[in-house]
Protein backbone atom coordinates (compact mmCIF):
# COMPACT_ATOMS: atom_id res chain seq x y z
CA MET A 1 52.85 147.68 109.87
CA SER A 2 52.19 151.17 108.50
CA TRP A 3 48.82 152.87 108.44
CA SER A 4 49.03 153.21 104.66
CA GLY A 5 49.69 149.48 104.32
CA LEU A 6 46.76 148.60 106.57
CA LEU A 7 44.52 151.00 104.62
CA SER A 8 45.54 149.52 101.26
CA GLN A 9 44.99 145.99 102.58
CA LEU A 10 41.48 146.78 103.85
CA LEU A 11 40.70 148.66 100.64
CA GLU A 12 41.74 145.71 98.49
CA ILE A 13 39.56 143.30 100.49
CA ALA A 14 36.54 145.62 100.39
CA LEU A 15 37.08 146.28 96.69
CA ALA A 16 37.23 142.58 95.85
CA ILE A 17 34.07 141.76 97.82
CA ALA A 18 32.18 144.70 96.31
CA LEU A 19 33.36 144.53 92.70
CA ALA A 20 33.40 140.74 92.15
CA PRO A 21 29.63 140.48 91.42
CA LEU A 22 29.87 143.60 89.27
CA LEU A 23 32.55 141.96 87.11
CA THR A 24 30.31 138.93 86.67
CA GLY A 25 27.40 141.15 85.68
CA TRP A 26 29.61 143.04 83.22
CA ILE A 27 30.69 139.82 81.50
CA ASN A 28 27.13 138.48 81.35
CA GLN A 29 25.95 141.77 79.87
CA TRP A 30 28.56 141.76 77.12
CA ARG A 31 27.89 138.08 76.33
CA ALA A 32 24.23 138.90 75.80
CA TRP A 33 25.03 141.91 73.60
CA LEU A 34 27.51 139.96 71.48
CA GLN A 35 24.91 137.22 70.99
CA ASN A 36 22.20 139.76 70.04
CA ARG A 37 20.15 138.97 73.13
CA SER A 38 18.49 141.23 75.64
CA ALA A 39 21.14 141.89 78.28
CA PRO A 40 20.43 141.55 82.01
CA SER A 41 21.04 144.46 84.32
CA LEU A 42 24.60 145.16 85.39
CA LEU A 43 23.41 144.86 89.00
CA GLN A 44 21.64 141.53 88.47
CA PRO A 45 24.25 139.51 90.47
CA TYR A 46 23.67 141.79 93.49
CA ARG A 47 19.91 141.30 93.22
CA MET A 48 20.36 137.54 93.02
CA LEU A 49 22.58 137.53 96.11
CA HIS A 50 20.08 139.71 98.01
CA LYS A 51 17.25 137.34 97.08
CA LEU A 52 19.19 134.25 98.11
CA PHE A 53 20.27 135.71 101.45
CA ASN A 54 16.62 136.40 102.26
CA LYS A 55 15.57 132.83 101.47
CA GLU A 56 15.59 129.92 103.86
CA SER A 57 18.38 127.37 103.46
CA MET A 58 17.06 123.86 102.88
CA VAL A 59 19.52 121.18 104.01
CA ALA A 60 19.14 117.42 103.65
CA ASP A 61 18.48 115.54 106.89
CA HIS A 62 21.55 113.35 106.54
CA ALA A 63 23.91 116.21 105.57
CA SER A 64 26.93 116.53 107.85
CA ARG A 65 28.57 119.64 109.27
CA LEU A 66 30.96 119.57 106.34
CA PHE A 67 28.09 120.32 103.96
CA ARG A 68 26.96 123.28 106.09
CA SER A 69 30.44 124.72 106.65
CA ALA A 70 31.82 124.31 103.11
CA PRO A 71 30.27 127.56 101.71
CA TYR A 72 31.86 129.60 104.50
CA VAL A 73 35.26 127.95 103.99
CA VAL A 74 35.13 128.47 100.21
CA PHE A 75 34.07 132.10 100.60
CA GLY A 76 36.83 132.72 103.16
CA CYS A 77 39.46 131.14 100.91
CA MET A 78 38.47 133.33 97.98
CA VAL A 79 38.49 136.51 100.10
CA LEU A 80 41.94 135.62 101.43
CA ALA A 81 43.19 134.87 97.91
CA CYS A 82 41.99 138.27 96.70
CA SER A 83 43.64 139.96 99.68
CA ILE A 84 47.14 138.67 98.91
CA ILE A 85 47.09 139.61 95.21
CA PRO A 86 48.60 143.11 94.70
CA THR A 87 45.90 144.87 92.71
CA LEU A 88 46.12 148.46 94.01
CA SER A 89 49.38 148.57 95.94
CA THR A 90 52.34 146.38 96.80
CA ASP A 91 52.36 147.73 100.37
CA LEU A 92 50.31 144.93 101.94
CA PRO A 93 50.61 143.60 105.51
CA LEU A 94 49.79 140.14 104.13
CA ALA A 95 52.65 140.42 101.62
CA PRO A 96 54.85 137.86 103.47
CA ALA A 97 52.05 135.34 102.95
CA ALA A 98 51.53 136.36 99.32
CA ASP A 99 53.45 133.44 97.93
CA ALA A 100 52.58 131.76 94.64
CA ILE A 101 52.40 128.34 96.30
CA ALA A 102 50.14 129.64 99.07
CA LEU A 103 47.82 131.21 96.52
CA VAL A 104 47.42 127.96 94.58
CA GLY A 105 46.96 126.17 97.90
CA LEU A 106 43.99 128.41 98.76
CA PHE A 107 42.33 127.57 95.46
CA ALA A 108 42.97 123.87 96.07
CA LEU A 109 41.56 124.04 99.62
CA ALA A 110 38.36 125.63 98.36
CA ARG A 111 38.04 122.99 95.65
CA VAL A 112 38.49 120.12 98.08
CA PHE A 113 35.84 121.45 100.48
CA ILE A 114 33.20 122.11 97.82
CA SER A 115 33.86 118.70 96.22
CA LEU A 116 33.57 116.89 99.54
CA ALA A 117 30.37 118.80 100.29
CA ALA A 118 28.92 117.78 96.92
CA MET A 119 29.63 114.11 97.67
CA ASP A 120 28.45 114.40 101.28
CA VAL A 121 24.75 114.31 100.43
CA GLY A 122 25.22 111.31 98.15
CA THR A 123 23.34 112.49 95.06
CA ALA A 124 24.38 111.18 91.65
CA PHE A 125 24.85 114.59 90.04
CA GLY A 126 26.77 115.99 93.02
CA THR A 127 29.21 113.07 92.95
CA MET A 128 29.61 113.39 89.18
CA GLY A 129 30.29 117.13 89.48
CA ALA A 130 32.83 116.55 92.27
CA ARG A 131 34.73 113.99 90.20
CA ARG A 132 34.85 116.33 87.23
CA GLU A 133 35.90 119.26 89.41
CA MET A 134 38.79 117.28 90.89
CA LEU A 135 39.83 116.17 87.39
CA VAL A 136 39.99 119.80 86.29
CA GLY A 137 41.91 120.71 89.43
CA PHE A 138 44.50 117.95 89.03
CA LEU A 139 45.33 119.25 85.56
CA ALA A 140 44.88 123.01 86.04
CA GLU A 141 46.76 123.57 89.31
CA PRO A 142 50.17 122.31 88.06
CA ALA A 143 49.80 124.51 84.98
CA LEU A 144 48.99 127.53 87.16
CA LEU A 145 52.03 126.80 89.33
CA MET A 146 54.27 126.63 86.26
CA VAL A 147 52.90 129.98 85.04
CA LEU A 148 53.64 131.60 88.40
CA PHE A 149 57.09 130.01 88.53
CA SER A 150 57.86 131.38 85.05
CA ALA A 151 57.17 134.89 86.31
CA SER A 152 59.09 134.24 89.52
CA LEU A 153 62.24 133.40 87.53
CA ILE A 154 62.35 137.04 86.39
CA SER A 155 62.27 138.42 89.94
CA ASN A 156 64.03 135.46 91.61
CA SER A 157 61.19 135.30 94.14
CA THR A 158 57.86 133.55 94.47
CA SER A 159 56.38 136.50 96.37
CA LEU A 160 53.61 138.08 94.33
CA THR A 161 54.44 141.60 95.48
CA THR A 162 58.09 141.16 94.48
CA ILE A 163 57.08 139.80 91.07
CA VAL A 164 54.73 142.74 90.43
CA GLU A 165 57.29 145.30 91.59
CA THR A 166 59.95 143.77 89.34
CA LEU A 167 57.76 143.56 86.26
CA ALA A 168 56.13 146.97 86.71
CA HIS A 169 59.17 149.09 87.48
CA ARG A 170 61.92 147.37 85.51
CA GLU A 171 63.07 148.79 82.19
CA LEU A 172 60.88 147.81 79.25
CA ALA A 173 61.93 144.35 78.11
CA ILE A 174 60.49 141.48 76.10
CA TYR A 175 60.14 138.17 77.91
CA PRO A 176 59.36 135.37 75.42
CA GLY A 177 58.55 133.00 78.26
CA LEU A 178 55.68 135.22 79.42
CA ALA A 179 54.04 134.87 76.00
CA PHE A 180 53.69 131.10 76.47
CA ALA A 181 52.72 131.66 80.11
CA GLY A 182 50.02 134.13 79.09
CA VAL A 183 48.32 131.69 76.73
CA ALA A 184 48.53 128.93 79.35
CA PHE A 185 47.10 131.23 82.02
CA VAL A 186 44.09 132.12 79.86
CA MET A 187 43.36 128.43 79.28
CA VAL A 188 43.69 127.63 82.99
CA SER A 189 41.49 130.59 83.94
CA LEU A 190 38.72 129.42 81.62
CA ALA A 191 38.81 125.95 83.17
CA GLU A 192 39.08 127.07 86.78
CA ASN A 193 36.17 129.51 86.50
CA ALA A 194 33.85 127.12 84.64
CA ARG A 195 33.79 129.21 81.47
CA ILE A 196 33.39 128.17 77.84
CA PRO A 197 34.96 126.05 76.29
CA VAL A 198 35.43 123.90 79.42
CA ASP A 199 32.08 124.56 81.12
CA ASN A 200 29.08 126.80 80.58
CA PRO A 201 28.04 128.83 83.65
CA ALA A 202 24.54 129.28 82.20
CA THR A 203 23.85 125.60 81.48
CA HIS A 204 21.32 123.46 83.31
CA LEU A 205 22.01 120.21 81.48
CA GLU A 206 23.14 117.80 84.19
CA LEU A 207 25.21 115.57 81.89
CA THR A 208 27.55 118.39 80.81
CA MET A 209 27.80 120.80 83.75
CA ILE A 210 30.63 120.80 86.28
CA HIS A 211 30.29 123.76 88.62
CA GLU A 212 26.49 123.78 88.66
CA ALA A 213 26.41 120.07 89.54
CA LEU A 214 28.48 120.78 92.65
CA ILE A 215 25.96 123.22 94.10
CA LEU A 216 22.64 121.60 93.15
CA GLU A 217 21.85 120.78 96.79
CA TYR A 218 22.55 124.27 98.12
CA SER A 219 19.93 126.96 98.60
CA GLY A 220 19.40 130.21 100.47
CA ARG A 221 22.39 131.85 102.12
CA HIS A 222 24.60 128.81 101.45
CA LEU A 223 24.02 129.10 97.71
CA ALA A 224 24.56 132.87 97.91
CA LEU A 225 27.97 132.37 99.53
CA VAL A 226 29.00 129.78 96.93
CA GLU A 227 27.92 132.05 94.04
CA TRP A 228 29.67 135.03 95.63
CA ALA A 229 32.80 132.90 96.06
CA ALA A 230 32.64 131.96 92.36
CA SER A 231 32.56 135.66 91.47
CA LEU A 232 35.48 136.29 93.82
CA LYS A 233 37.44 133.49 92.16
CA LEU A 234 36.87 135.05 88.74
CA PHE A 235 37.93 138.41 90.18
CA ALA A 236 41.06 136.84 91.72
CA TYR A 237 42.12 135.17 88.46
CA SER A 238 41.51 138.43 86.59
CA CYS A 239 43.72 140.28 89.07
CA ILE A 240 46.44 137.61 88.82
CA GLY A 241 46.48 138.00 85.05
CA LEU A 242 46.63 141.80 85.31
CA ALA A 243 49.38 141.63 87.96
CA LEU A 244 51.56 139.26 85.94
CA PHE A 245 51.08 140.50 82.39
CA PHE A 246 49.80 144.09 82.79
CA PRO A 247 51.26 145.25 86.13
CA TRP A 248 51.40 148.94 85.26
CA GLY A 249 49.35 151.24 87.45
CA VAL A 250 49.94 149.38 90.72
CA ALA A 251 51.09 151.75 93.45
CA GLN A 252 54.46 151.10 95.07
CA ALA A 253 55.00 150.78 98.80
CA HIS A 254 54.87 154.02 100.83
CA GLU A 255 52.92 155.80 98.08
CA PRO A 256 49.37 156.03 99.49
CA LEU A 257 48.34 158.84 97.14
CA ALA A 258 49.20 156.69 94.13
CA MET A 259 46.33 154.36 95.08
CA LEU A 260 43.90 157.11 94.01
CA LEU A 261 45.20 156.67 90.47
CA ALA A 262 45.54 152.89 90.76
CA LEU A 263 41.81 152.43 91.45
CA PRO A 264 40.44 153.80 88.12
CA VAL A 265 43.28 152.04 86.27
CA LEU A 266 42.26 148.73 87.86
CA VAL A 267 38.59 149.27 87.00
CA LEU A 268 39.51 150.10 83.40
CA LYS A 269 41.70 147.00 83.03
CA LEU A 270 38.99 144.78 84.53
CA ALA A 271 36.40 146.26 82.16
CA VAL A 272 38.58 145.56 79.13
CA GLY A 273 39.41 142.07 80.41
CA GLY A 274 35.73 141.31 81.03
CA PHE A 275 34.85 142.35 77.48
CA LEU A 276 37.63 140.17 76.02
CA LEU A 277 36.45 137.19 78.11
CA ALA A 278 32.88 137.65 76.90
CA LEU A 279 34.14 137.90 73.31
CA LEU A 280 36.24 134.74 73.70
CA GLU A 281 33.27 132.82 75.11
CA THR A 282 31.02 134.04 72.31
CA VAL A 283 33.29 132.85 69.50
CA SER A 284 34.17 129.54 71.21
CA ALA A 285 32.25 126.28 71.27
CA LYS A 286 32.00 124.15 74.38
CA LEU A 287 34.28 121.13 74.42
CA ARG A 288 32.96 117.66 75.09
CA ILE A 289 33.88 116.55 78.58
CA PHE A 290 36.42 113.93 77.47
CA ARG A 291 38.31 116.61 75.51
CA VAL A 292 38.92 118.75 78.60
CA PRO A 293 42.07 116.81 79.68
CA GLU A 294 43.57 117.48 76.24
CA PHE A 295 42.77 121.19 76.61
CA LEU A 296 44.37 121.42 80.05
CA GLY A 297 47.27 119.20 78.98
CA THR A 298 48.05 121.75 76.28
CA ALA A 299 47.95 124.50 78.91
CA PHE A 300 50.41 122.56 81.09
CA LEU A 301 52.72 121.98 78.11
CA LEU A 302 52.72 125.70 77.30
CA SER A 303 53.43 126.62 80.92
CA VAL A 304 56.37 124.20 81.06
CA MET A 305 57.70 125.66 77.80
CA ALA A 306 57.40 129.13 79.32
CA MET A 307 59.47 128.11 82.34
CA LEU A 308 62.10 126.36 80.20
CA VAL A 309 62.43 129.37 77.88
CA GLN A 310 62.80 131.68 80.86
CA LEU A 311 65.43 129.38 82.40
CA LEU A 312 67.45 129.30 79.18
CA LEU A 313 67.31 133.07 78.71
CA SER A 314 68.25 133.80 82.32
CA ARG A 315 71.58 132.01 82.01
């Protein structure tokens, strides 16, 4: 393990934890501007987290240890997911663990814990939100795996660092399979991060919400960790999309000075991606809940088409 690799690994973790709420604030600000509303401050997510951490956590008397430990597990899973995605450099000590299957497994583990915690208290809305969350997961995770496998066929490896190195430093080429994979990835990202048209992160209508129904019973530091983990998940999906479809600007191994250039490039790409996400949410209408399986089924079909096209072209 080199010192440069350890430094880049620690920098990526610190960057993800620090910038994830900022990305959420950036998207919320642009959504308000595009809808001709008064925009909240860019630092509003940090203020909300500070307020929640200073509040007392109210827990139901019959809540088990699972309910109390779920926010810490979910937050840890999201931090670990962000740490194995090559955003600044491919020289990462956790690179051997940066496998596409392991990454999807971390997202699945977090979903299982937060869903079990929502059902642990026994409230009607928590159980309803958990069922809807698992439905989204059952349909979205296979599509995400197919997207990652489509990219892995180009590099002949499921390692994320190998995929990024291959796509970023290979001669300019057109991969038709990645076009289908890109559309599927956007659809999966919207569903996984509770964004319009699948869910509305700003809604408080119990009959339509998914993510908000899961965390109705949380308060204080537990709610702060869950909200921070949601921002980290959005940051992780944004970095996955940038690494797969716009990998340029990522520093290669044994090039520590290149990270100085990779940092502003990453911030610029995240800013553009946040604006495009806000624009997409503004021009889209929320789907009715029974139409969500059709939406995610289309994403899975596109991801399978991407893998089949890539298989045919690689022969």
